[in-house]
Amino acid sequence: MTTETLSPRALTVADAARMLATREPVIRRLIYAGRIRATCLGGWTWRIPLGEIDRLLLEEAETDPRPRRRVPRPGAACGGRPRA
C-alpha cells in the first residue's frame, strides 16, 4: 500500500482480477497482505500498477508449471480489430 503518483497504466481491482483470472476479493486480500503494491484512492478504491500484474504472472510462471491463459489488457484490440 503506497501513496505514489498514479501512472496511466494503473488498473482497477476489477481489471486486475480479470487479468489474473480471479475474483476481486482475492486481489483485495493480496493488497492488504502486501503481496500486491497498490495505491488507495479512498475507501475501497485502489489502483494497481500494470507492472505488478506482470510481476505476479512471472512469479506464478516460475513456480507453477501449468500454463495460464492471460486475459488481454483493458483497451487492447481483440483479433486485430479495434473495439467500438
C-alpha atoms as a PDB file:
ATOM      1  CA  MET A   1       0.000   0.000   0.000  1.00  0.00           C
ATOM      2  CA  THR A   2       1.654   3.155  -1.193  1.00  0.00           C
ATOM      3  CA  THR A   3       0.804   6.748  -1.923  1.00  0.00           C
ATOM      4  CA  GLU A   4       2.850   7.093  -5.106  1.00  0.00           C
ATOM      5  CA  THR A   5       1.777   9.040  -8.176  1.00  0.00           C
ATOM      6  CA  LEU A   6      -0.593   7.142 -10.435  1.00  0.00           C
ATOM      7  CA  SER A   7       0.510   6.334 -13.950  1.00  0.00           C
ATOM      8  CA  PRO A   8      -1.794   5.963 -16.934  1.00  0.00           C
ATOM      9  CA  ARG A   9      -1.098   2.230 -16.677  1.00  0.00           C
ATOM     10  CA  ALA A  10      -2.783   1.814 -13.294  1.00  0.00           C
ATOM     11  CA  LEU A  11      -5.565  -0.783 -13.187  1.00  0.00           C
ATOM     12  CA  THR A  12      -8.691  -1.055 -11.111  1.00  0.00           C
ATOM     13  CA  VAL A  13      -9.154  -4.052  -8.818  1.00  0.00           C
ATOM     14  CA  ALA A  14     -11.721  -5.445 -11.292  1.00  0.00           C
ATOM     15  CA  ASP A  15      -9.283  -5.141 -14.226  1.00  0.00           C
ATOM     16  CA  ALA A  16      -6.515  -6.808 -12.222  1.00  0.00           C
ATOM     17  CA  ALA A  17      -8.856  -9.650 -11.228  1.00  0.00           C
ATOM     18  CA  ARG A  18      -9.795 -10.236 -14.878  1.00  0.00           C
ATOM     19  CA  MET A  19      -6.153 -10.247 -15.982  1.00  0.00           C
ATOM     20  CA  LEU A  20      -5.228 -12.732 -13.257  1.00  0.00           C
ATOM     21  CA  ALA A  21      -8.350 -14.853 -13.830  1.00  0.00           C
ATOM     22  CA  THR A  22      -9.519 -14.491 -10.239  1.00  0.00           C
ATOM     23  CA  ARG A  23     -12.076 -12.518  -8.211  1.00  0.00           C
ATOM     24  CA  GLU A  24     -11.914  -9.012  -6.755  1.00  0.00           C
ATOM     25  CA  PRO A  25     -11.869 -10.148  -3.085  1.00  0.00           C
ATOM     26  CA  VAL A  26      -8.726 -12.180  -3.801  1.00  0.00           C
ATOM     27  CA  ILE A  27      -6.990  -9.111  -5.232  1.00  0.00           C
ATOM     28  CA  ARG A  28      -8.036  -7.021  -2.219  1.00  0.00           C
ATOM     29  CA  ARG A  29      -6.686  -9.683   0.180  1.00  0.00           C
ATOM     30  CA  LEU A  30      -3.361  -9.675  -1.695  1.00  0.00           C
ATOM     31  CA  ILE A  31      -3.216  -5.870  -1.426  1.00  0.00           C
ATOM     32  CA  TYR A  32      -3.931  -5.925   2.326  1.00  0.00           C
ATOM     33  CA  ALA A  33      -1.356  -8.696   2.810  1.00  0.00           C
ATOM     34  CA  GLY A  34       1.258  -6.597   0.999  1.00  0.00           C
ATOM     35  CA  ARG A  35       1.709  -9.059  -1.874  1.00  0.00           C
ATOM     36  CA  ILE A  36       0.452  -6.527  -4.458  1.00  0.00           C
ATOM     37  CA  ARG A  37       1.673  -2.927  -4.467  1.00  0.00           C
ATOM     38  CA  ALA A  38      -1.309  -0.592  -4.873  1.00  0.00           C
ATOM     39  CA  THR A  39      -2.403   2.988  -4.280  1.00  0.00           C
ATOM     40  CA  CYS A  40      -5.503   3.699  -2.223  1.00  0.00           C
ATOM     41  CA  LEU A  41      -7.683   6.479  -3.597  1.00  0.00           C
ATOM     42  CA  GLY A  42     -10.038   6.321  -0.609  1.00  0.00           C
ATOM     43  CA  GLY A  43     -12.422   3.738   0.743  1.00  0.00           C
ATOM     44  CA  TRP A  44     -12.447   0.599  -1.396  1.00  0.00           C
ATOM     45  CA  THR A  45     -10.935   2.330  -4.431  1.00  0.00           C
ATOM     46  CA  TRP A  46      -7.468   1.062  -5.367  1.00  0.00           C
ATOM     47  CA  ARG A  47      -5.216   1.404  -8.396  1.00  0.00           C
ATOM     48  CA  ILE A  48      -2.648  -1.257  -9.209  1.00  0.00           C
ATOM     49  CA  PRO A  49       0.342  -0.584 -11.483  1.00  0.00           C
ATOM     50  CA  LEU A  50       0.345  -2.785 -14.574  1.00  0.00           C
ATOM     51  CA  GLY A  51       3.881  -3.862 -13.680  1.00  0.00           C
ATOM     52  CA  GLU A  52       2.524  -5.547 -10.548  1.00  0.00           C
ATOM     53  CA  ILE A  53       0.299  -7.802 -12.652  1.00  0.00           C
ATOM     54  CA  ASP A  54       3.241  -8.675 -14.896  1.00  0.00           C
ATOM     55  CA  ARG A  55       5.350  -9.433 -11.795  1.00  0.00           C
ATOM     56  CA  LEU A  56       2.677 -11.733 -10.338  1.00  0.00           C
ATOM     57  CA  LEU A  57       2.258 -13.569 -13.636  1.00  0.00           C
ATOM     58  CA  LEU A  58       6.034 -14.023 -13.894  1.00  0.00           C
ATOM     59  CA  GLU A  59       6.260 -15.296 -10.292  1.00  0.00           C
ATOM     60  CA  GLU A  60       3.461 -17.751 -10.965  1.00  0.00           C
ATOM     61  CA  ALA A  61       5.081 -18.966 -14.182  1.00  0.00           C
ATOM     62  CA  GLU A  62       8.287 -19.677 -12.275  1.00  0.00           C
ATOM     63  CA  THR A  63       6.524 -21.641  -9.529  1.00  0.00           C
ATOM     64  CA  ASP A  64       3.564 -23.241 -11.367  1.00  0.00           C
ATOM     65  CA  PRO A  65       4.371 -25.418 -14.391  1.00  0.00           C
ATOM     66  CA  ARG A  66       0.779 -25.252 -15.663  1.00  0.00           C
ATOM     67  CA  PRO A  67       0.271 -22.519 -18.263  1.00  0.00           C
ATOM     68  CA  ARG A  68      -2.355 -19.863 -17.519  1.00  0.00           C
ATOM     69  CA  ARG A  69      -4.241 -18.114 -20.260  1.00  0.00           C
ATOM     70  CA  ARG A  70      -3.598 -14.402 -19.864  1.00  0.00           C
ATOM     71  CA  VAL A  71      -6.536 -12.117 -20.468  1.00  0.00           C
ATOM     72  CA  PRO A  72      -5.778  -9.177 -22.801  1.00  0.00           C
ATOM     73  CA  ARG A  73      -5.051  -5.821 -21.217  1.00  0.00           C
ATOM     74  CA  PRO A  74      -8.015  -3.463 -20.953  1.00  0.00           C
ATOM     75  CA  GLY A  75      -8.396  -1.441 -24.137  1.00  0.00           C
ATOM     76  CA  ALA A  76      -6.311  -3.856 -26.219  1.00  0.00           C
ATOM     77  CA  ALA A  77      -7.680  -4.677 -29.645  1.00  0.00           C
ATOM     78  CA  CYS A  78      -9.212  -8.150 -29.951  1.00  0.00           C
ATOM     79  CA  GLY A  79      -8.476 -10.172 -33.026  1.00  0.00           C
ATOM     80  CA  GLY A  80      -6.700  -7.269 -34.711  1.00  0.00           C
ATOM     81  CA  ARG A  81      -9.878  -5.187 -34.781  1.00  0.00           C
ATOM     82  CA  PRO A  82     -10.305  -2.074 -32.646  1.00  0.00           C
ATOM     83  CA  ARG A  83     -13.079  -2.044 -30.105  1.00  0.00           C
ATOM     84  CA  ALA A  84     -16.052   0.154 -30.873  1.00  0.00           C
END
